[in-house]
N, C-alpha and C. Protein backbone atom coordinates (compact mmCIF):
# COMPACT_ATOMS: atom_id res chain seq x y z
N MET A 1 146.84 69.84 90.65
CA MET A 1 147.68 69.65 89.50
C MET A 1 147.01 68.64 88.58
N LYS A 2 147.19 68.85 87.30
CA LYS A 2 146.72 67.89 86.32
C LYS A 2 147.93 67.29 85.65
N TYR A 3 147.88 66.00 85.36
CA TYR A 3 148.99 65.32 84.72
C TYR A 3 148.50 64.70 83.43
N TYR A 4 149.30 64.84 82.39
CA TYR A 4 148.99 64.23 81.11
C TYR A 4 150.12 63.27 80.77
N ASN A 5 149.82 62.18 80.10
CA ASN A 5 150.75 61.11 79.81
C ASN A 5 151.13 60.41 81.12
N THR A 6 152.24 59.72 81.14
CA THR A 6 152.48 58.87 82.30
C THR A 6 153.75 59.17 83.07
N PHE A 7 154.67 59.97 82.54
CA PHE A 7 155.95 60.11 83.23
C PHE A 7 156.13 61.49 83.84
N LEU A 8 156.04 61.56 85.12
CA LEU A 8 156.41 62.76 85.87
C LEU A 8 157.26 62.25 87.01
N SER A 9 158.49 62.64 87.05
CA SER A 9 159.40 62.14 88.07
C SER A 9 159.73 63.26 89.03
N ILE A 10 159.32 63.10 90.25
CA ILE A 10 159.67 64.05 91.30
C ILE A 10 160.40 63.25 92.35
N VAL A 11 161.67 63.56 92.52
CA VAL A 11 162.50 62.78 93.43
C VAL A 11 162.35 63.39 94.81
N ALA A 12 161.26 63.06 95.48
CA ALA A 12 161.02 63.68 96.78
C ALA A 12 159.67 63.28 97.32
N PHE A 13 159.35 63.83 98.46
CA PHE A 13 158.05 63.66 99.08
C PHE A 13 157.18 64.85 98.67
N LEU A 14 155.96 64.58 98.24
CA LEU A 14 155.08 65.66 97.81
C LEU A 14 153.78 65.66 98.60
N VAL A 15 153.27 66.83 98.87
CA VAL A 15 151.96 66.99 99.48
C VAL A 15 151.08 67.58 98.38
N TRP A 16 150.14 66.79 97.86
CA TRP A 16 149.41 67.18 96.65
C TRP A 16 148.18 68.02 96.88
N HIS A 17 147.60 68.05 98.06
CA HIS A 17 146.29 68.69 98.21
C HIS A 17 146.32 70.20 98.14
N ALA A 18 147.32 70.88 98.64
CA ALA A 18 147.34 72.34 98.59
C ALA A 18 148.66 72.86 98.09
N SER A 19 149.72 72.19 98.39
CA SER A 19 151.06 72.60 97.98
C SER A 19 151.88 71.35 97.74
N ALA A 20 152.99 71.54 97.05
CA ALA A 20 153.91 70.43 96.83
C ALA A 20 155.29 70.87 97.30
N SER A 21 155.98 69.97 97.93
CA SER A 21 157.32 70.28 98.41
C SER A 21 158.26 69.19 97.99
N ALA A 22 159.26 69.54 97.19
CA ALA A 22 160.24 68.56 96.74
C ALA A 22 161.56 68.85 97.42
N GLN A 23 162.13 67.84 98.05
CA GLN A 23 163.37 68.03 98.78
C GLN A 23 164.61 67.87 97.91
N VAL A 24 164.46 67.46 96.67
CA VAL A 24 165.61 67.31 95.81
C VAL A 24 165.37 68.08 94.51
N SER A 25 164.82 67.45 93.50
CA SER A 25 164.68 68.06 92.18
C SER A 25 163.33 67.75 91.56
N MET A 26 162.93 68.58 90.59
CA MET A 26 161.72 68.37 89.81
C MET A 26 162.15 68.01 88.40
N SER A 27 161.64 66.89 87.90
CA SER A 27 161.97 66.47 86.54
C SER A 27 160.66 66.14 85.81
N ILE A 28 160.38 66.89 84.74
CA ILE A 28 159.19 66.68 83.93
C ILE A 28 159.66 65.97 82.66
N GLY A 29 159.22 64.74 82.46
CA GLY A 29 159.70 63.92 81.36
C GLY A 29 159.17 64.34 80.00
N GLN A 30 159.79 63.80 78.95
CA GLN A 30 159.36 64.06 77.58
C GLN A 30 157.90 63.66 77.41
N GLU A 31 157.17 64.42 76.63
CA GLU A 31 155.76 64.19 76.33
C GLU A 31 154.89 64.21 77.59
N THR A 32 155.38 64.85 78.66
CA THR A 32 154.62 64.98 79.89
C THR A 32 154.24 66.44 80.06
N LYS A 33 153.05 66.66 80.59
CA LYS A 33 152.57 68.02 80.80
C LYS A 33 152.21 68.18 82.27
N LEU A 34 152.85 69.12 82.95
CA LEU A 34 152.54 69.43 84.34
C LEU A 34 151.77 70.75 84.36
N VAL A 35 150.56 70.72 84.90
CA VAL A 35 149.72 71.91 84.98
C VAL A 35 149.48 72.23 86.45
N ILE A 36 149.86 73.43 86.87
CA ILE A 36 149.54 73.88 88.22
C ILE A 36 148.19 74.59 88.13
N THR A 37 147.21 74.13 88.89
CA THR A 37 145.90 74.75 88.85
C THR A 37 145.75 75.75 89.97
N GLY A 38 145.08 76.84 89.67
CA GLY A 38 144.83 77.87 90.69
C GLY A 38 146.10 78.48 91.21
N GLU A 39 146.14 78.67 92.51
CA GLU A 39 147.28 79.34 93.15
C GLU A 39 148.13 78.35 93.94
N MET A 40 148.30 77.17 93.42
CA MET A 40 149.09 76.14 94.09
C MET A 40 150.56 76.56 94.20
N ASN A 41 151.24 76.10 95.24
CA ASN A 41 152.66 76.37 95.47
C ASN A 41 153.47 75.09 95.31
N ILE A 42 154.64 75.21 94.67
CA ILE A 42 155.59 74.11 94.60
C ILE A 42 156.91 74.64 95.15
N ALA A 43 157.49 73.95 96.13
CA ALA A 43 158.78 74.33 96.70
C ALA A 43 159.82 73.30 96.28
N ILE A 44 160.90 73.77 95.67
CA ILE A 44 161.95 72.91 95.15
C ILE A 44 163.28 73.31 95.80
N SER A 45 163.97 72.34 96.39
CA SER A 45 165.27 72.65 96.97
C SER A 45 166.41 72.18 96.07
N GLY A 46 166.07 71.48 94.99
CA GLY A 46 167.08 71.02 94.03
C GLY A 46 166.92 71.71 92.70
N ASP A 47 167.20 71.00 91.62
CA ASP A 47 167.14 71.57 90.27
C ASP A 47 165.78 71.34 89.62
N TRP A 48 165.49 72.13 88.60
CA TRP A 48 164.27 72.04 87.80
C TRP A 48 164.68 71.60 86.40
N GLN A 49 164.21 70.42 85.96
CA GLN A 49 164.52 69.90 84.63
C GLN A 49 163.19 69.67 83.91
N ASN A 50 162.99 70.37 82.80
CA ASN A 50 161.74 70.23 82.05
C ASN A 50 162.05 69.79 80.63
N ASP A 51 161.76 68.52 80.33
CA ASP A 51 161.89 68.00 78.98
C ASP A 51 160.51 67.85 78.33
N GLY A 52 159.47 68.28 79.03
CA GLY A 52 158.11 68.16 78.53
C GLY A 52 157.46 69.53 78.43
N SER A 53 156.35 69.69 79.15
CA SER A 53 155.58 70.93 79.09
C SER A 53 155.15 71.32 80.50
N PHE A 54 155.27 72.60 80.82
CA PHE A 54 154.87 73.12 82.13
C PHE A 54 153.92 74.28 81.92
N VAL A 55 152.73 74.21 82.56
CA VAL A 55 151.73 75.28 82.49
C VAL A 55 151.56 75.83 83.90
N PRO A 56 152.08 77.04 84.17
CA PRO A 56 152.11 77.55 85.54
C PRO A 56 150.80 78.09 86.08
N ASP A 57 149.82 78.39 85.23
CA ASP A 57 148.57 79.02 85.67
C ASP A 57 148.92 80.18 86.60
N ASN A 58 148.35 80.24 87.79
CA ASN A 58 148.63 81.33 88.72
C ASN A 58 149.44 80.84 89.93
N GLY A 59 150.03 79.65 89.79
CA GLY A 59 150.79 79.06 90.90
C GLY A 59 152.14 79.70 91.10
N VAL A 60 152.76 79.35 92.24
CA VAL A 60 154.06 79.90 92.60
C VAL A 60 155.05 78.74 92.71
N VAL A 61 156.21 78.91 92.08
CA VAL A 61 157.30 77.97 92.23
C VAL A 61 158.35 78.65 93.10
N HIS A 62 158.67 78.01 94.23
CA HIS A 62 159.65 78.54 95.18
C HIS A 62 160.92 77.71 95.08
N PHE A 63 162.05 78.35 94.79
CA PHE A 63 163.34 77.67 94.84
C PHE A 63 163.93 77.97 96.22
N ILE A 64 164.01 76.94 97.06
CA ILE A 64 164.36 77.13 98.47
C ILE A 64 165.68 76.47 98.85
N GLY A 65 166.47 76.07 97.87
CA GLY A 65 167.72 75.38 98.15
C GLY A 65 168.77 76.29 98.76
N THR A 66 169.70 75.69 99.46
CA THR A 66 170.81 76.45 100.05
C THR A 66 172.03 76.43 99.15
N ASP A 67 172.04 75.58 98.12
CA ASP A 67 173.12 75.52 97.13
C ASP A 67 172.61 76.11 95.82
N VAL A 68 173.50 76.23 94.85
CA VAL A 68 173.13 76.72 93.52
C VAL A 68 172.10 75.77 92.92
N GLN A 69 171.02 76.33 92.36
CA GLN A 69 169.98 75.54 91.70
C GLN A 69 169.94 75.91 90.23
N GLN A 70 169.61 74.94 89.39
CA GLN A 70 169.55 75.17 87.95
C GLN A 70 168.15 74.95 87.41
N ILE A 71 167.78 75.77 86.44
CA ILE A 71 166.53 75.59 85.70
C ILE A 71 166.94 75.21 84.28
N THR A 72 166.52 74.01 83.84
CA THR A 72 166.84 73.54 82.51
C THR A 72 165.54 73.16 81.81
N SER A 73 165.36 73.71 80.60
CA SER A 73 164.15 73.42 79.85
C SER A 73 164.49 73.39 78.36
N VAL A 74 163.98 72.39 77.65
CA VAL A 74 164.29 72.24 76.23
C VAL A 74 163.71 73.39 75.39
N SER A 75 162.65 74.02 75.87
CA SER A 75 162.02 75.08 75.07
C SER A 75 161.94 76.40 75.83
N GLY A 76 162.82 76.60 76.81
CA GLY A 76 162.71 77.80 77.65
C GLY A 76 161.66 77.55 78.71
N GLU A 77 161.63 78.35 79.73
CA GLU A 77 160.67 78.13 80.82
C GLU A 77 159.96 79.43 81.14
N ARG A 78 158.69 79.30 81.49
CA ARG A 78 157.87 80.44 81.88
C ARG A 78 157.24 80.15 83.22
N PHE A 79 157.48 81.01 84.18
CA PHE A 79 156.85 80.92 85.50
C PHE A 79 155.96 82.14 85.66
N THR A 80 154.74 81.95 86.16
CA THR A 80 153.89 83.09 86.46
C THR A 80 154.41 83.81 87.69
N HIS A 81 154.74 83.04 88.74
CA HIS A 81 155.30 83.59 89.97
C HIS A 81 156.47 82.70 90.37
N LEU A 82 157.63 83.32 90.60
CA LEU A 82 158.83 82.59 90.96
C LEU A 82 159.52 83.30 92.12
N THR A 83 159.87 82.55 93.17
CA THR A 83 160.62 83.14 94.27
C THR A 83 161.89 82.34 94.50
N THR A 84 162.91 83.01 95.01
CA THR A 84 164.15 82.36 95.39
C THR A 84 164.55 82.85 96.76
N ASN A 85 165.35 82.06 97.45
CA ASN A 85 165.82 82.55 98.75
C ASN A 85 167.30 82.75 98.72
């Protein structure tokens, strides 16, 4: 992953080398850019809040929560690959 600017808030434990797993929510702050490089996987069990910029490349975002999850983005959201359970 590449990060631009300084604010990326992920309320969880992340494994950065091959995949990322968030046990709560993903929050991308204003003026922040999150870039998934290659075929990286991100697993989210909480909500997705994007107030900045998200570049999915060829990565996969997995929504793995057992409760209702929300995707919120100020400019709409684009996922290259998205799975839900």
